[in-house]
């Protein structure tokens, strides 16, 4: 029997630890007194928080999940580059910008080579190639973001981050949807219930709606035009949940958590559309709900399931992860409400809930690894 690899867990832990730190540092600028402690770092790095929570977090999570063929040495190189990219904010002036650009772009190139190219080579139809295409576009968006910083063009960096947000939503819809469909189908089969029908047409319609919503959101068109495809995509997400008969999985959180993340992704798209129409809010501001609820809950659930599967342990979420998911859902609600009421207080509460959730997730992952190590000790 081939030995079980655990090196992928390093990237999951790095991404979670980063998420635990990135959000409180940003939220601290809303607190009197505390803001002065971090104010010396953040103003030198426009859109630092957005970049770290979108690309920084996603680099580690996607690497841990998709770099299945990479050897331990490649994983260590990836982890080293990731840490170097995160620490680049501490290096002042042009040297820090160059270090950030070099490390982050190298990361995305390595991720594309190890994870994106296999999708493109194996694809027999366009839908199968989309994950590889998204990784290629994330590489391009990273390069544009870094160019905006080097050229002192913040609008270019903001547009690049907006594109990243939509690409991540696209990946959550596609790959998160396929993972959710497989998990739901397997659960219903074990319960001797009819398996849900395939949703190829709905998946294609949802992808088209998200691509159109993203393109319109990034161009200077009336917000209502960008809102329509976003609302259509949200409707398709909810329709997929109905076809999966999510109520039949309510007693198995390892599956229903995927449904919750998918549903909060839909809610985030609705809030984004409404925010754009009502207040003309920017792409990055309006997408916080989708990112915290959709990305947070889906990624934590998928990482936990992936860890358990790869370590050949039963797919049952630990109690700490269950509590983390509740905290993430509450963080999403608080951050969404902050668009309209008590922004400073609710942003701080959301950041605290988010950090507690990721602390619990890290602890749960380490406990899973510890039990695995003990069970494989020679007797």
Protein backbone atom coordinates (compact mmCIF):
# COMPACT_ATOMS: atom_id res chain seq x y z
CA UNK A 1 0.00 0.00 0.00
CA UNK A 2 1.33 3.43 -0.94
CA UNK A 3 2.14 5.71 2.02
CA UNK A 4 -0.41 8.42 2.78
CA UNK A 5 0.92 11.89 2.02
CA UNK A 6 0.23 14.73 4.41
CA UNK A 7 2.22 17.52 2.74
CA UNK A 8 -0.94 19.02 1.21
CA UNK A 9 -2.06 19.83 4.76
CA UNK A 10 0.76 22.36 5.07
CA UNK A 11 -0.88 24.55 2.44
CA UNK A 12 -4.32 24.26 4.05
CA UNK A 13 -2.84 25.32 7.38
CA UNK A 14 -0.91 28.22 5.87
CA UNK A 15 -4.03 29.51 4.12
CA UNK A 16 -6.10 29.21 7.30
CA UNK A 17 -3.45 30.91 9.46
CA UNK A 18 -3.21 33.69 6.91
CA UNK A 19 -6.99 34.15 6.93
CA UNK A 20 -6.86 34.27 10.71
CA UNK A 21 -4.39 37.20 10.56
CA UNK A 22 -5.39 39.15 7.43
CA UNK A 23 -8.92 40.03 8.51
CA UNK A 24 -8.24 41.35 12.05
CA UNK A 25 -5.41 43.54 10.78
CA UNK A 26 -7.77 45.20 8.33
CA UNK A 27 -10.61 45.47 10.85
CA UNK A 28 -8.22 47.10 13.31
CA UNK A 29 -8.15 50.30 11.25
CA UNK A 30 -11.74 50.90 12.40
CA UNK A 31 -10.78 50.80 16.10
CA UNK A 32 -9.42 53.94 17.81
CA UNK A 33 -5.92 53.44 19.15
CA UNK A 34 -5.42 50.03 17.58
CA UNK A 35 -5.42 51.61 14.14
CA UNK A 36 -2.16 53.41 14.93
CA UNK A 37 -0.44 50.09 15.61
CA UNK A 38 -1.06 48.73 12.12
CA UNK A 39 -1.36 52.03 10.30
CA UNK A 40 2.34 52.02 9.49
CA UNK A 41 1.96 48.92 7.34
CA UNK A 42 -1.39 49.03 5.60
CA UNK A 43 -1.23 52.51 3.99
CA UNK A 44 1.96 51.49 2.16
CA UNK A 45 0.10 48.64 0.49
CA UNK A 46 -3.14 49.75 -1.19
CA UNK A 47 -5.63 46.87 -1.50
CA UNK A 48 -3.37 44.69 0.68
CA UNK A 49 -6.36 43.22 2.54
CA UNK A 50 -8.31 42.49 -0.64
CA UNK A 51 -5.32 40.85 -2.29
CA UNK A 52 -4.45 38.68 0.72
CA UNK A 53 -8.02 37.51 1.31
CA UNK A 54 -8.72 36.82 -2.35
CA UNK A 55 -5.47 35.74 -3.97
CA UNK A 56 -3.30 35.04 -0.92
CA UNK A 57 -5.89 32.75 0.70
CA UNK A 58 -6.95 31.14 -2.56
CA UNK A 59 -3.35 30.42 -3.61
CA UNK A 60 -2.83 28.23 -0.56
CA UNK A 61 -6.25 26.55 -0.64
CA UNK A 62 -6.21 25.82 -4.36
CA UNK A 63 -2.63 24.60 -4.08
CA UNK A 64 -3.48 22.18 -1.28
CA UNK A 65 -6.56 20.89 -3.08
CA UNK A 66 -5.40 20.79 -6.71
CA UNK A 67 -1.65 20.10 -6.62
CA UNK A 68 -2.25 16.38 -6.22
CA UNK A 69 0.58 15.34 -8.53
CA UNK A 70 3.21 17.65 -7.09
CA UNK A 71 5.94 16.01 -5.05
CA UNK A 72 6.90 17.08 -1.52
CA UNK A 73 9.71 19.30 -2.82
CA UNK A 74 7.29 21.26 -5.04
CA UNK A 75 4.90 21.65 -2.11
CA UNK A 76 7.73 23.04 0.03
CA UNK A 77 8.78 25.46 -2.72
CA UNK A 78 5.17 26.60 -3.05
CA UNK A 79 4.87 27.07 0.71
CA UNK A 80 8.14 29.03 0.83
CA UNK A 81 7.04 31.33 -1.98
CA UNK A 82 3.68 31.83 -0.29
CA UNK A 83 5.34 32.89 2.97
CA UNK A 84 7.75 35.16 1.11
CA UNK A 85 4.86 36.84 -0.71
CA UNK A 86 2.97 37.41 2.56
CA UNK A 87 6.03 38.88 4.30
CA UNK A 88 6.78 41.24 1.40
CA UNK A 89 4.44 43.84 2.93
CA UNK A 90 7.04 44.34 5.68
CA UNK A 91 9.71 45.34 3.16
CA UNK A 92 9.54 49.09 2.45
CA UNK A 93 9.30 51.01 -0.82
CA UNK A 94 10.17 49.60 -4.23
CA UNK A 95 12.00 46.56 -2.83
CA UNK A 96 8.81 45.38 -1.16
CA UNK A 97 6.74 45.91 -4.31
CA UNK A 98 9.24 43.97 -6.42
CA UNK A 99 9.42 41.16 -3.87
CA UNK A 100 5.62 40.92 -3.73
CA UNK A 101 5.31 40.90 -7.52
CA UNK A 102 8.02 38.29 -8.00
CA UNK A 103 6.83 35.90 -5.28
CA UNK A 104 3.11 36.16 -6.08
CA UNK A 105 3.52 35.77 -9.83
CA UNK A 106 5.92 32.84 -9.32
CA UNK A 107 3.29 31.25 -7.07
CA UNK A 108 0.58 31.57 -9.68
CA UNK A 109 2.85 30.22 -12.41
CA UNK A 110 3.67 27.17 -10.29
CA UNK A 111 -0.02 26.66 -9.46
CA UNK A 112 -0.95 26.88 -13.12
CA UNK A 113 1.78 24.43 -14.17
CA UNK A 114 0.93 21.90 -11.45
CA UNK A 115 -2.88 22.24 -11.45
CA UNK A 116 -4.06 24.27 -14.45
CA UNK A 117 -2.21 22.54 -17.27
CA UNK A 118 -3.46 19.04 -16.30
CA UNK A 119 -7.05 20.30 -16.61
CA UNK A 120 -6.34 21.76 -20.05
CA UNK A 121 -4.52 18.64 -21.29
CA UNK A 122 -7.21 16.25 -20.09
CA UNK A 123 -10.19 18.33 -21.24
CA UNK A 124 -12.31 16.92 -24.04
CA UNK A 125 -14.86 19.72 -23.89
CA UNK A 126 -14.78 23.37 -22.88
CA UNK A 127 -16.55 22.87 -19.53
CA UNK A 128 -13.88 20.42 -18.41
CA UNK A 129 -11.17 22.96 -19.25
CA UNK A 130 -12.73 25.82 -17.27
CA UNK A 131 -10.77 25.21 -14.01
CA UNK A 132 -7.53 25.41 -16.00
CA UNK A 133 -8.74 28.53 -17.81
CA UNK A 134 -9.69 30.14 -14.49
CA UNK A 135 -6.23 29.43 -13.06
CA UNK A 136 -4.65 30.98 -16.16
CA UNK A 137 -6.85 34.07 -15.77
CA UNK A 138 -5.99 34.29 -12.06
CA UNK A 139 -2.32 34.38 -13.10
CA UNK A 140 -3.08 37.21 -15.53
CA UNK A 141 -5.09 39.07 -12.87
CA UNK A 142 -2.22 38.73 -10.39
CA UNK A 143 0.20 40.18 -12.93
CA UNK A 144 -2.16 43.11 -13.61
CA UNK A 145 -2.63 43.74 -9.89
CA UNK A 146 1.12 43.84 -9.32
CA UNK A 147 1.60 46.08 -12.37
CA UNK A 148 -0.92 48.51 -10.91
CA UNK A 149 1.06 48.67 -7.68
CA UNK A 150 4.42 49.10 -9.42
CA UNK A 151 3.05 51.80 -11.73
CA UNK A 152 1.15 53.57 -8.92
CA UNK A 153 -2.16 52.94 -10.70
CA UNK A 154 -4.54 51.87 -7.88
CA UNK A 155 -7.56 51.74 -10.19
CA UNK A 156 -5.81 49.06 -12.24
CA UNK A 157 -5.15 47.02 -9.08
CA UNK A 158 -8.75 47.44 -7.93
CA UNK A 159 -10.09 46.25 -11.28
CA UNK A 160 -7.77 43.24 -11.15
CA UNK A 161 -9.03 42.35 -7.67
CA UNK A 162 -12.62 42.66 -8.87
CA UNK A 163 -11.80 40.20 -11.65
CA UNK A 164 -10.20 37.85 -9.11
CA UNK A 165 -13.37 37.92 -6.97
CA UNK A 166 -15.54 36.93 -9.93
CA UNK A 167 -13.09 34.21 -11.00
CA UNK A 168 -13.16 32.73 -7.51
CA UNK A 169 -16.97 32.82 -7.50
CA UNK A 170 -16.86 31.05 -10.87
CA UNK A 171 -14.56 28.38 -9.40
CA UNK A 172 -16.81 27.98 -6.35
CA UNK A 173 -19.87 27.60 -8.56
CA UNK A 174 -18.19 25.04 -10.83
CA UNK A 175 -15.88 22.94 -8.65
CA UNK A 176 -17.79 23.58 -5.43
CA UNK A 177 -20.94 22.59 -7.26
CA UNK A 178 -19.41 19.36 -8.55
CA UNK A 179 -18.09 18.43 -5.11
CA UNK A 180 -21.50 19.22 -3.61
CA UNK A 181 -23.32 17.22 -6.29
CA UNK A 182 -21.11 14.17 -5.76
CA UNK A 183 -21.38 14.36 -1.96
CA UNK A 184 -25.17 14.80 -2.11
CA UNK A 185 -25.61 11.97 -4.59
CA UNK A 186 -23.51 9.62 -2.48
CA UNK A 187 -25.44 10.48 0.68
CA UNK A 188 -28.84 9.99 -0.92
CA UNK A 189 -27.68 6.69 -2.38
CA UNK A 190 -26.58 5.49 1.06
CA UNK A 191 -30.02 6.48 2.38
CA UNK A 192 -31.67 4.44 -0.43
CA UNK A 193 -33.22 7.62 -1.80
CA UNK A 194 -33.36 8.59 -5.51
CA UNK A 195 -30.17 10.29 -6.62
CA UNK A 196 -30.50 13.85 -7.99
CA UNK A 197 -30.48 14.24 -11.75
CA UNK A 198 -27.46 15.63 -13.59
CA UNK A 199 -27.46 19.41 -13.96
CA UNK A 200 -25.31 19.95 -17.04
CA UNK A 201 -27.62 22.54 -18.56
CA UNK A 202 -28.03 24.46 -15.29
CA UNK A 203 -24.27 24.43 -14.81
CA UNK A 204 -23.72 25.90 -18.28
CA UNK A 205 -26.37 28.58 -17.73
CA UNK A 206 -24.87 29.48 -14.35
CA UNK A 207 -21.38 29.77 -15.80
CA UNK A 208 -22.65 32.02 -18.59
CA UNK A 209 -24.55 34.23 -16.11
CA UNK A 210 -21.50 34.59 -13.85
CA UNK A 211 -19.17 35.43 -16.73
CA UNK A 212 -21.60 38.09 -17.96
CA UNK A 213 -22.13 39.48 -14.44
CA UNK A 214 -18.39 39.73 -13.88
CA UNK A 215 -17.69 41.40 -17.21
CA UNK A 216 -20.47 43.96 -16.72
CA UNK A 217 -19.45 44.62 -13.13
CA UNK A 218 -15.92 45.49 -14.23
CA UNK A 219 -17.02 47.89 -16.96
CA UNK A 220 -18.64 51.34 -16.61
CA UNK A 221 -22.22 50.30 -17.33
CA UNK A 222 -25.34 51.15 -15.27
CA UNK A 223 -25.32 48.95 -12.13
CA UNK A 224 -28.74 47.51 -12.98
CA UNK A 225 -27.26 45.84 -16.06
CA UNK A 226 -24.62 44.05 -13.99
CA UNK A 227 -27.24 43.20 -11.35
CA UNK A 228 -29.46 41.22 -13.71
CA UNK A 229 -27.04 38.39 -14.57
CA UNK A 230 -25.85 38.31 -10.94
CA UNK A 231 -29.44 37.76 -9.83
CA UNK A 232 -29.88 35.14 -12.54
CA UNK A 233 -26.77 33.31 -11.31
CA UNK A 234 -28.10 33.44 -7.73
CA UNK A 235 -31.39 31.98 -8.93
CA UNK A 236 -29.57 29.13 -10.66
CA UNK A 237 -27.58 28.42 -7.49
CA UNK A 238 -30.82 28.16 -5.51
CA UNK A 239 -32.43 26.02 -8.20
CA UNK A 240 -29.48 23.62 -8.03
CA UNK A 241 -29.96 23.37 -4.27
CA UNK A 242 -33.63 22.52 -4.81
CA UNK A 243 -32.75 19.80 -7.32
CA UNK A 244 -30.26 18.36 -4.83
CA UNK A 245 -33.15 18.07 -2.32
CA UNK A 246 -30.99 19.57 0.41
CA UNK A 247 -33.62 18.95 3.09
CA UNK A 248 -32.86 15.23 2.85
CA UNK A 249 -29.26 15.91 3.93
CA UNK A 250 -30.06 18.15 6.91
CA UNK A 251 -28.90 15.48 9.39
CA UNK A 252 -25.42 15.14 7.86
CA UNK A 253 -23.46 18.35 8.29
CA UNK A 254 -20.52 17.15 6.18
CA UNK A 255 -22.93 17.47 3.22
CA UNK A 256 -25.40 20.11 4.41
CA UNK A 257 -22.48 22.48 5.13
CA UNK A 258 -21.71 22.40 1.41
CA UNK A 259 -25.35 23.31 0.77
CA UNK A 260 -25.10 26.17 3.28
CA UNK A 261 -21.98 27.56 1.60
CA UNK A 262 -23.61 27.30 -1.82
CA UNK A 263 -26.73 29.05 -0.51
CA UNK A 264 -24.72 31.85 1.09
CA UNK A 265 -22.86 32.29 -2.20
CA UNK A 266 -26.26 32.89 -3.83
CA UNK A 267 -27.26 35.30 -1.03
CA UNK A 268 -23.99 37.17 -1.50
CA UNK A 269 -24.69 37.60 -5.21
CA UNK A 270 -28.16 38.97 -4.42
CA UNK A 271 -26.70 41.45 -1.92
CA UNK A 272 -24.03 42.44 -4.43
CA UNK A 273 -26.69 43.16 -7.04
CA UNK A 274 -28.83 45.16 -4.61
CA UNK A 275 -25.85 47.11 -3.31
CA UNK A 276 -24.85 48.04 -6.84
CA UNK A 277 -28.34 49.24 -7.74
CA UNK A 278 -29.10 51.06 -4.46
CA UNK A 279 -25.79 52.63 -3.59
CA UNK A 280 -23.57 52.06 -6.60
CA UNK A 281 -21.14 50.25 -4.30
CA UNK A 282 -17.86 49.00 -5.75
CA UNK A 283 -17.35 45.40 -6.77
CA UNK A 284 -15.02 44.63 -3.87
CA UNK A 285 -17.32 46.14 -1.23
CA UNK A 286 -20.51 44.48 -2.42
CA UNK A 287 -18.92 41.04 -2.77
CA UNK A 288 -17.95 40.69 0.89
CA UNK A 289 -21.06 38.64 1.67
CA UNK A 290 -20.37 36.16 -1.13
CA UNK A 291 -16.73 35.86 -0.15
CA UNK A 292 -17.23 35.40 3.62
CA UNK A 293 -20.21 33.07 3.40
CA UNK A 294 -19.57 31.29 0.12
CA UNK A 295 -15.78 31.11 0.03
CA UNK A 296 -15.35 30.76 3.79
CA UNK A 297 -17.86 27.98 4.44
CA UNK A 298 -17.28 26.08 1.20
CA UNK A 299 -13.49 26.17 1.53
CA UNK A 300 -13.46 25.12 5.21
CA UNK A 301 -15.88 22.27 4.51
CA UNK A 302 -14.04 21.11 1.40
CA UNK A 303 -10.63 21.31 3.11
CA UNK A 304 -11.89 19.26 6.06
CA UNK A 305 -13.50 16.66 3.80
CA UNK A 306 -10.38 16.53 1.64
CA UNK A 307 -8.12 16.03 4.68
CA UNK A 308 -10.29 13.21 6.01
CA UNK A 309 -10.53 11.56 2.58
CA UNK A 310 -6.79 11.71 1.89
CA UNK A 311 -5.97 10.37 5.36
CA UNK A 312 -8.57 7.61 4.80
CA UNK A 313 -10.66 8.56 7.79
CA UNK A 314 -14.47 8.66 8.06
CA UNK A 315 -15.99 11.81 6.53
CA UNK A 316 -17.45 13.26 9.73
CA UNK A 317 -16.86 16.89 10.61
CA UNK A 318 -15.19 17.43 14.01
CA UNK A 319 -17.12 19.46 16.57
CA UNK A 320 -14.62 22.32 16.23
CA UNK A 321 -15.28 22.55 12.49
CA UNK A 322 -19.04 22.52 13.07
CA UNK A 323 -18.69 25.48 15.43
CA UNK A 324 -16.37 27.20 12.94
CA UNK A 325 -19.04 26.93 10.25
CA UNK A 326 -21.63 28.54 12.54
CA UNK A 327 -19.21 31.39 13.28
CA UNK A 328 -18.48 31.89 9.57
CA UNK A 329 -22.20 32.09 8.78
CA UNK A 330 -22.61 34.69 11.54
CA UNK A 331 -19.57 36.59 10.23
CA UNK A 332 -21.13 36.70 6.76
CA UNK A 333 -24.39 38.10 8.14
CA UNK A 334 -22.59 40.72 10.23
CA UNK A 335 -20.38 41.85 7.33
CA UNK A 336 -23.34 42.07 4.96
CA UNK A 337 -25.33 44.19 7.44
CA UNK A 338 -22.30 46.47 7.81
CA UNK A 339 -23.04 47.75 4.31
CA UNK A 340 -26.06 49.53 5.76
CA UNK A 341 -25.84 49.91 9.58
CA UNK A 342 -23.11 50.36 12.21
CA UNK A 343 -20.23 49.59 9.82
CA UNK A 344 -17.35 49.91 12.30
CA UNK A 345 -18.97 47.74 14.99
CA UNK A 346 -20.27 45.06 12.63
CA UNK A 347 -17.03 44.85 10.66
CA UNK A 348 -15.15 44.32 13.94
CA UNK A 349 -17.64 41.67 15.07
CA UNK A 350 -17.43 39.94 11.71
CA UNK A 351 -13.62 39.93 11.85
CA UNK A 352 -13.64 38.47 15.35
CA UNK A 353 -16.07 35.70 14.37
CA UNK A 354 -14.03 34.94 11.24
CA UNK A 355 -10.77 34.69 13.20
CA UNK A 356 -12.31 32.46 15.87
CA UNK A 357 -13.66 30.21 13.11
CA UNK A 358 -10.27 29.79 11.48
CA UNK A 359 -8.56 29.23 14.83
CA UNK A 360 -10.99 26.37 15.44
CA UNK A 361 -10.40 25.03 11.94
CA UNK A 362 -6.61 25.04 12.40
CA UNK A 363 -6.98 23.27 15.75
CA UNK A 364 -9.28 20.65 14.19
CA UNK A 365 -6.87 20.01 11.31
CA UNK A 366 -3.97 19.53 13.72
CA UNK A 367 -6.07 17.14 15.80
CA UNK A 368 -6.94 15.09 12.70
CA UNK A 369 -3.27 14.94 11.75
CA UNK A 370 -2.30 13.99 15.31
CA UNK A 371 -4.79 11.10 15.39
CA UNK A 372 -3.58 9.96 11.98
CA UNK A 373 0.05 9.99 13.13
CA UNK A 374 -0.76 8.04 16.28
CA UNK A 375 -2.74 5.42 14.38
CA UNK A 376 0.18 4.86 11.99
CA UNK A 377 2.90 4.55 14.60
CA UNK A 378 4.63 1.17 14.53
CA UNK A 379 3.61 -1.14 17.36
